[in-house]
């Protein structure tokens, strides 16, 4: 049996954070994705995590840390993969909070546990329930938003909900490049500037980054 190398980040050095991420990525390798495809009800898959790639996680860390973000919003939490990258960037920058929304209570509980084990719980508020309701309570002046939800139309609804709270210059990262979302932010009068984030040797789009003007 070939031993799998541990998770590696180009930017995060905290062994506690890296250890939790390593566990989560190893767990994801054993998910039965075929079963999920036949029954995508999120409440039936409370142990199924949905992650960004490690490279995308480092992109999140870099964007939040370099932008000196203070108020970060995320949809959806899942088991806390991306939340850990976001919270690590805030902690290493010395301030800030992630407000992250998760529909499934069991996943929200697991995310809180993972964040606590990574030493990042004090930088995150996990909001249980429909993000189209819970994220209405986040403070004004959002600096960065990650929208990586389970249903395209919900992603657009979430953007519209938090849009009045985005500061000028805020960044919005849509991981799935949902068609409805792209049509909205790329419209000539949308108030956003947009660029695809490219990844891999073929430079394929792997997320869309929008700047609130």
Protein backbone atom coordinates (compact mmCIF):
# COMPACT_ATOMS: atom_id res chain seq x y z
CA UNK A 1 0.00 0.00 0.00
CA UNK A 2 1.37 3.39 -1.02
CA UNK A 3 1.25 5.88 1.83
CA UNK A 4 -0.71 9.01 0.99
CA UNK A 5 1.18 12.24 1.66
CA UNK A 6 -0.53 14.58 4.14
CA UNK A 7 -2.49 17.60 2.99
CA UNK A 8 -0.24 20.48 2.03
CA UNK A 9 -0.98 24.19 1.74
CA UNK A 10 1.34 26.72 0.18
CA UNK A 11 0.16 29.39 2.62
CA UNK A 12 -1.09 27.84 5.87
CA UNK A 13 1.60 26.63 8.25
CA UNK A 14 -0.36 25.94 11.46
CA UNK A 15 -0.09 22.16 12.06
CA UNK A 16 -3.43 22.09 13.89
CA UNK A 17 -5.26 23.58 10.91
CA UNK A 18 -3.41 21.39 8.43
CA UNK A 19 -4.19 18.28 10.46
CA UNK A 20 -7.94 18.89 10.42
CA UNK A 21 -7.91 19.68 6.70
CA UNK A 22 -5.95 16.51 6.06
CA UNK A 23 -8.56 14.46 7.92
CA UNK A 24 -11.41 16.08 6.00
CA UNK A 25 -9.83 15.58 2.58
CA UNK A 26 -9.03 11.95 3.44
CA UNK A 27 -12.64 11.42 4.52
CA UNK A 28 -13.88 12.90 1.25
CA UNK A 29 -11.89 10.33 -0.73
CA UNK A 30 -14.22 7.60 0.60
CA UNK A 31 -17.56 9.26 -0.17
CA UNK A 32 -19.99 7.30 -2.33
CA UNK A 33 -20.74 10.03 -4.85
CA UNK A 34 -22.89 7.69 -6.94
CA UNK A 35 -25.32 7.28 -4.06
CA UNK A 36 -25.47 11.04 -3.63
CA UNK A 37 -26.18 11.54 -7.33
CA UNK A 38 -29.24 9.27 -7.07
CA UNK A 39 -30.58 11.08 -3.99
CA UNK A 40 -29.20 14.63 -3.68
CA UNK A 41 -31.41 15.54 -0.69
CA UNK A 42 -28.87 17.20 1.65
CA UNK A 43 -30.69 15.92 4.75
CA UNK A 44 -30.02 12.34 3.63
CA UNK A 45 -26.27 12.93 3.40
CA UNK A 46 -25.36 14.70 6.61
CA UNK A 47 -21.91 13.10 6.62
CA UNK A 48 -21.08 14.08 3.05
CA UNK A 49 -18.67 16.98 2.81
CA UNK A 50 -18.35 19.27 -0.18
CA UNK A 51 -14.95 20.88 -0.52
CA UNK A 52 -13.09 23.23 -2.73
CA UNK A 53 -9.80 21.90 -4.04
CA UNK A 54 -6.74 22.63 -1.87
CA UNK A 55 -5.61 25.09 -4.56
CA UNK A 56 -8.92 26.94 -4.35
CA UNK A 57 -8.63 26.94 -0.57
CA UNK A 58 -5.28 28.67 -0.83
CA UNK A 59 -6.85 31.17 -3.24
CA UNK A 60 -9.49 31.97 -0.62
CA UNK A 61 -6.86 32.39 2.07
CA UNK A 62 -4.81 34.69 -0.16
CA UNK A 63 -7.75 36.87 -1.21
CA UNK A 64 -9.05 37.31 2.33
CA UNK A 65 -5.64 37.85 3.90
CA UNK A 66 -4.33 40.22 1.24
CA UNK A 67 -7.59 42.18 1.22
CA UNK A 68 -7.44 42.50 5.02
CA UNK A 69 -11.06 41.41 5.22
CA UNK A 70 -12.96 41.75 8.48
CA UNK A 71 -16.49 40.64 7.58
CA UNK A 72 -16.69 37.44 5.54
CA UNK A 73 -19.88 35.63 4.47
CA UNK A 74 -20.11 32.03 3.28
CA UNK A 75 -22.85 29.90 1.73
CA UNK A 76 -22.77 26.99 2.43
CA UNK A 77 -20.70 25.61 5.33
CA UNK A 78 -20.97 21.85 4.72
CA UNK A 79 -18.37 20.28 7.06
CA UNK A 80 -16.23 23.41 7.14
CA UNK A 81 -13.55 22.86 4.46
CA UNK A 82 -13.63 26.37 3.00
CA UNK A 83 -14.64 27.89 6.34
CA UNK A 84 -11.32 26.75 7.77
CA UNK A 85 -9.37 28.48 5.00
CA UNK A 86 -11.40 31.68 5.47
CA UNK A 87 -11.10 31.68 9.26
CA UNK A 88 -7.38 30.91 9.14
CA UNK A 89 -6.86 33.97 6.94
CA UNK A 90 -8.76 36.17 9.38
CA UNK A 91 -6.90 34.82 12.40
CA UNK A 92 -3.52 35.21 10.74
CA UNK A 93 -4.51 38.76 9.81
CA UNK A 94 -5.37 39.47 13.44
CA UNK A 95 -9.09 40.23 13.19
CA UNK A 96 -12.44 39.45 11.60
CA UNK A 97 -15.31 36.96 11.59
CA UNK A 98 -16.82 34.49 9.14
CA UNK A 99 -20.63 34.28 9.04
CA UNK A 100 -21.39 30.94 7.42
CA UNK A 101 -24.80 29.41 6.66
CA UNK A 102 -25.63 25.69 6.73
CA UNK A 103 -29.05 24.16 6.13
CA UNK A 104 -28.45 20.74 7.74
CA UNK A 105 -28.11 20.84 11.57
CA UNK A 106 -25.89 17.75 11.68
CA UNK A 107 -23.45 19.35 9.27
CA UNK A 108 -23.46 22.61 11.21
CA UNK A 109 -22.55 20.66 14.36
CA UNK A 110 -19.72 18.83 12.60
CA UNK A 111 -18.41 22.09 11.16
CA UNK A 112 -18.32 23.68 14.61
CA UNK A 113 -16.40 20.69 15.92
CA UNK A 114 -13.89 20.82 13.04
CA UNK A 115 -13.37 24.54 13.50
CA UNK A 116 -12.83 24.10 17.23
CA UNK A 117 -10.28 21.34 16.66
CA UNK A 118 -8.46 23.61 14.20
CA UNK A 119 -8.38 26.38 16.83
CA UNK A 120 -10.56 28.67 14.71
CA UNK A 121 -13.93 28.54 16.44
CA UNK A 122 -13.62 32.05 17.87
CA UNK A 123 -13.51 33.50 14.35
CA UNK A 124 -16.70 31.90 13.01
CA UNK A 125 -20.45 32.19 13.53
CA UNK A 126 -22.28 29.17 12.08
CA UNK A 127 -25.88 30.05 11.19
CA UNK A 128 -28.24 27.06 10.98
CA UNK A 129 -31.19 27.13 8.59
CA UNK A 130 -32.07 28.51 5.17
CA UNK A 131 -29.33 30.95 4.14
CA UNK A 132 -31.95 33.14 2.48
CA UNK A 133 -33.17 33.89 6.01
CA UNK A 134 -30.21 33.47 8.34
CA UNK A 135 -27.78 35.64 6.37
CA UNK A 136 -30.14 38.60 6.64
CA UNK A 137 -28.63 39.14 10.10
CA UNK A 138 -25.01 39.61 9.01
CA UNK A 139 -23.55 43.09 9.59
CA UNK A 140 -23.07 45.73 6.93
CA UNK A 141 -19.69 46.21 5.32
CA UNK A 142 -19.11 42.71 3.94
CA UNK A 143 -15.58 42.52 2.52
CA UNK A 144 -15.66 39.03 1.03
CA UNK A 145 -18.38 36.50 0.20
CA UNK A 146 -17.99 32.88 -0.85
CA UNK A 147 -21.12 31.55 -2.54
CA UNK A 148 -20.78 27.81 -3.04
CA UNK A 149 -24.25 26.46 -2.39
CA UNK A 150 -26.07 23.32 -3.37
CA UNK A 151 -28.65 24.84 -5.73
CA UNK A 152 -27.96 27.52 -8.40
CA UNK A 153 -31.10 29.59 -7.85
CA UNK A 154 -30.43 29.68 -4.10
CA UNK A 155 -26.92 31.02 -4.78
CA UNK A 156 -28.39 33.95 -6.68
CA UNK A 157 -31.01 34.52 -3.98
CA UNK A 158 -28.22 34.66 -1.39
CA UNK A 159 -26.28 37.21 -3.42
CA UNK A 160 -29.35 39.41 -3.75
CA UNK A 161 -29.95 39.15 -0.01
CA UNK A 162 -26.45 40.23 1.03
CA UNK A 163 -25.89 42.65 -1.87
CA UNK A 164 -26.99 45.78 0.04
CA UNK A 165 -24.40 44.92 2.69
CA UNK A 166 -21.44 44.54 0.32
CA UNK A 167 -19.03 47.43 0.63
CA UNK A 168 -17.61 49.06 -2.46
CA UNK A 169 -14.63 46.94 -3.47
CA UNK A 170 -15.99 43.75 -1.87
CA UNK A 171 -15.17 40.46 -3.59
CA UNK A 172 -17.71 37.73 -4.32
CA UNK A 173 -16.40 34.27 -5.19
CA UNK A 174 -18.89 31.92 -6.90
CA UNK A 175 -17.22 28.52 -6.96
CA UNK A 176 -19.76 26.73 -9.17
CA UNK A 177 -20.03 29.44 -11.83
CA UNK A 178 -23.81 28.96 -11.78
CA UNK A 179 -25.40 30.15 -15.02
CA UNK A 180 -28.10 32.25 -13.34
CA UNK A 181 -25.48 33.80 -11.07
CA UNK A 182 -23.15 34.64 -13.98
CA UNK A 183 -25.96 36.15 -16.03
CA UNK A 184 -26.77 38.42 -13.09
CA UNK A 185 -23.27 39.64 -12.21
CA UNK A 186 -22.16 39.93 -15.84
CA UNK A 187 -25.08 42.08 -16.96
CA UNK A 188 -23.86 45.51 -18.18
CA UNK A 189 -25.67 47.37 -15.39
CA UNK A 190 -24.96 44.85 -12.61
CA UNK A 191 -22.47 46.99 -10.71
CA UNK A 192 -19.86 44.23 -10.77
CA UNK A 193 -16.59 43.65 -12.54
CA UNK A 194 -15.91 39.96 -13.17
CA UNK A 195 -13.02 37.63 -13.93
CA UNK A 196 -12.90 33.81 -14.05
CA UNK A 197 -10.37 32.20 -11.75
CA UNK A 198 -8.29 29.81 -13.84
CA UNK A 199 -6.68 26.61 -12.65
CA UNK A 200 -4.73 23.67 -14.04
CA UNK A 201 -2.51 23.19 -17.05
CA UNK A 202 -5.40 23.87 -19.41
CA UNK A 203 -6.37 27.04 -17.49
CA UNK A 204 -9.97 25.99 -17.08
CA UNK A 205 -12.33 28.31 -15.20
CA UNK A 206 -12.65 27.16 -11.59
CA UNK A 207 -14.77 29.82 -10.02
CA UNK A 208 -15.83 33.37 -10.81
CA UNK A 209 -14.59 36.39 -8.87
CA UNK A 210 -16.78 39.49 -8.89
CA UNK A 211 -15.78 42.94 -7.65
CA UNK A 212 -18.53 45.14 -6.24
CA UNK A 213 -18.02 48.59 -7.70
